[in-house]
Amino acid sequence: MPTFISPSLLPVLMLFASNVFMTFAWYGHLKFKDHSLPLVILISWGIAFFEYWLAVPANRWGSAVYSAAQLKTMQEVITLVVFAAFSVLYLKEPLGWNHALGFAFIAAGAFLIFHKFG
């Protein structure tokens, strides 16, 4: 594991970066509906290749600091943050109060995963 970044911060940064790639792989093609589906699938696979180069080491190195449940929870919260920004900035789709409330419930669940009771 690279030592120039904190072992607890490195997986978070790598998961953010991997989520940017995966969000573009899964949803970026929605702006290109005039292109053939096989073409956008191949392009999405190419983008997802880079996502794996970040996500797999992030989870491997992150497992030295976080439990598997914490890593998965972190991944889901990061996915929502990245997707919310992507939806507004790239797809130009607004987020409403219901989205914010749903994300808040998920954040509350994440709190429970990371907090130790008793």
Protein backbone atom coordinates (compact mmCIF):
# COMPACT_ATOMS: atom_id res chain seq x y z
CA MET A 1 0.00 0.00 0.00
CA PRO A 2 1.37 3.46 -0.84
CA THR A 3 2.46 5.20 2.35
CA PHE A 4 2.28 8.85 1.27
CA ILE A 5 -1.48 8.95 2.01
CA SER A 6 -3.10 7.83 5.25
CA PRO A 7 -4.19 4.15 5.11
CA SER A 8 -7.68 5.18 6.22
CA LEU A 9 -7.97 7.94 3.58
CA LEU A 10 -6.46 6.17 0.54
CA PRO A 11 -9.32 3.65 0.06
CA VAL A 12 -11.89 6.45 0.34
CA LEU A 13 -10.16 8.51 -2.35
CA MET A 14 -9.75 5.48 -4.59
CA LEU A 15 -13.40 4.51 -4.15
CA PHE A 16 -14.46 8.04 -5.09
CA ALA A 17 -12.33 7.88 -8.24
CA SER A 18 -13.57 4.40 -9.13
CA ASN A 19 -17.16 5.56 -8.72
CA VAL A 20 -16.64 8.40 -11.15
CA PHE A 21 -15.52 5.87 -13.77
CA MET A 22 -18.34 3.45 -13.00
CA THR A 23 -21.01 6.13 -13.02
CA PHE A 24 -19.87 7.21 -16.48
CA ALA A 25 -19.77 3.57 -17.58
CA TRP A 26 -23.32 2.90 -16.39
CA TYR A 27 -25.03 6.22 -17.10
CA GLY A 28 -22.85 8.33 -19.39
CA HIS A 29 -24.36 6.74 -22.49
CA LEU A 30 -27.76 8.20 -21.65
CA LYS A 31 -26.67 11.36 -23.46
CA PHE A 32 -25.89 9.27 -26.56
CA LYS A 33 -29.12 7.40 -27.21
CA ASP A 34 -28.59 7.76 -30.95
CA HIS A 35 -25.56 5.41 -30.79
CA SER A 36 -26.02 1.66 -31.08
CA LEU A 37 -26.42 -0.32 -27.89
CA PRO A 38 -23.55 -2.76 -28.66
CA LEU A 39 -21.22 0.22 -29.17
CA VAL A 40 -22.13 1.87 -25.87
CA ILE A 41 -21.81 -1.48 -24.08
CA LEU A 42 -18.25 -1.89 -25.41
CA ILE A 43 -17.36 1.67 -24.45
CA SER A 44 -18.88 1.12 -20.98
CA TRP A 45 -16.78 -2.02 -20.53
CA GLY A 46 -13.69 -0.03 -21.44
CA ILE A 47 -14.52 2.62 -18.86
CA ALA A 48 -15.35 -0.01 -16.22
CA PHE A 49 -11.90 -1.58 -16.75
CA PHE A 50 -10.35 1.50 -15.15
CA GLU A 51 -12.91 1.42 -12.36
CA TYR A 52 -11.71 -2.06 -11.41
CA TRP A 53 -8.08 -0.88 -11.33
CA LEU A 54 -9.13 1.49 -8.55
CA ALA A 55 -11.88 -0.41 -6.72
CA VAL A 56 -10.08 -3.72 -6.26
CA PRO A 57 -6.93 -2.26 -4.64
CA ALA A 58 -9.07 0.20 -2.66
CA ASN A 59 -10.93 -2.72 -1.09
CA ARG A 60 -7.80 -4.83 -0.66
CA TRP A 61 -5.87 -2.05 1.05
CA GLY A 62 -8.94 -0.74 2.83
CA SER A 63 -9.52 -4.14 4.46
CA ALA A 64 -6.45 -3.45 6.61
CA VAL A 65 -8.35 -0.54 8.20
CA TYR A 66 -12.07 -1.24 7.65
CA SER A 67 -14.31 -4.29 7.90
CA ALA A 68 -15.93 -5.64 4.74
CA ALA A 69 -19.29 -4.24 5.90
CA GLN A 70 -17.74 -0.81 6.41
CA LEU A 71 -16.08 -0.89 2.98
CA LYS A 72 -19.37 -1.87 1.31
CA THR A 73 -21.29 0.81 3.19
CA MET A 74 -18.67 3.39 2.27
CA GLN A 75 -18.93 2.29 -1.36
CA GLU A 76 -22.71 2.74 -1.38
CA VAL A 77 -22.60 6.20 0.21
CA ILE A 78 -19.85 7.30 -2.19
CA THR A 79 -21.88 5.92 -5.10
CA LEU A 80 -24.85 8.07 -4.11
CA VAL A 81 -22.75 11.21 -3.68
CA VAL A 82 -21.04 10.71 -7.04
CA PHE A 83 -24.32 9.85 -8.75
CA ALA A 84 -26.12 12.87 -7.29
CA ALA A 85 -23.41 15.19 -8.62
CA PHE A 86 -23.37 13.35 -11.97
CA SER A 87 -27.14 13.52 -12.29
CA VAL A 88 -27.25 17.26 -11.70
CA LEU A 89 -24.06 18.32 -13.49
CA TYR A 90 -23.88 15.89 -16.44
CA LEU A 91 -27.41 14.65 -17.04
CA LYS A 92 -28.98 17.98 -15.98
CA GLU A 93 -31.62 16.13 -13.94
CA PRO A 94 -32.66 17.92 -10.76
CA LEU A 95 -32.72 16.22 -7.38
CA GLY A 96 -35.73 16.84 -5.17
CA TRP A 97 -36.47 16.76 -1.48
CA ASN A 98 -37.41 13.07 -1.74
CA HIS A 99 -33.93 12.26 -3.03
CA ALA A 100 -32.35 14.22 -0.18
CA LEU A 101 -34.53 12.42 2.36
CA GLY A 102 -33.73 9.03 0.88
CA PHE A 103 -30.01 9.81 0.93
CA ALA A 104 -30.33 10.97 4.55
CA PHE A 105 -31.86 7.62 5.52
CA ILE A 106 -29.00 5.82 3.80
CA ALA A 107 -26.51 8.06 5.63
CA ALA A 108 -28.23 7.13 8.90
CA GLY A 109 -27.77 3.47 8.02
CA ALA A 110 -24.10 4.12 7.29
CA PHE A 111 -23.75 5.75 10.70
CA LEU A 112 -25.09 2.59 12.30
CA ILE A 113 -22.57 0.44 10.42
CA PHE A 114 -19.62 2.58 11.55
CA HIS A 115 -20.77 3.18 15.13
CA LYS A 116 -20.12 0.59 17.79
CA PHE A 117 -22.88 0.21 20.35
CA GLY A 118 -22.16 -1.32 23.77
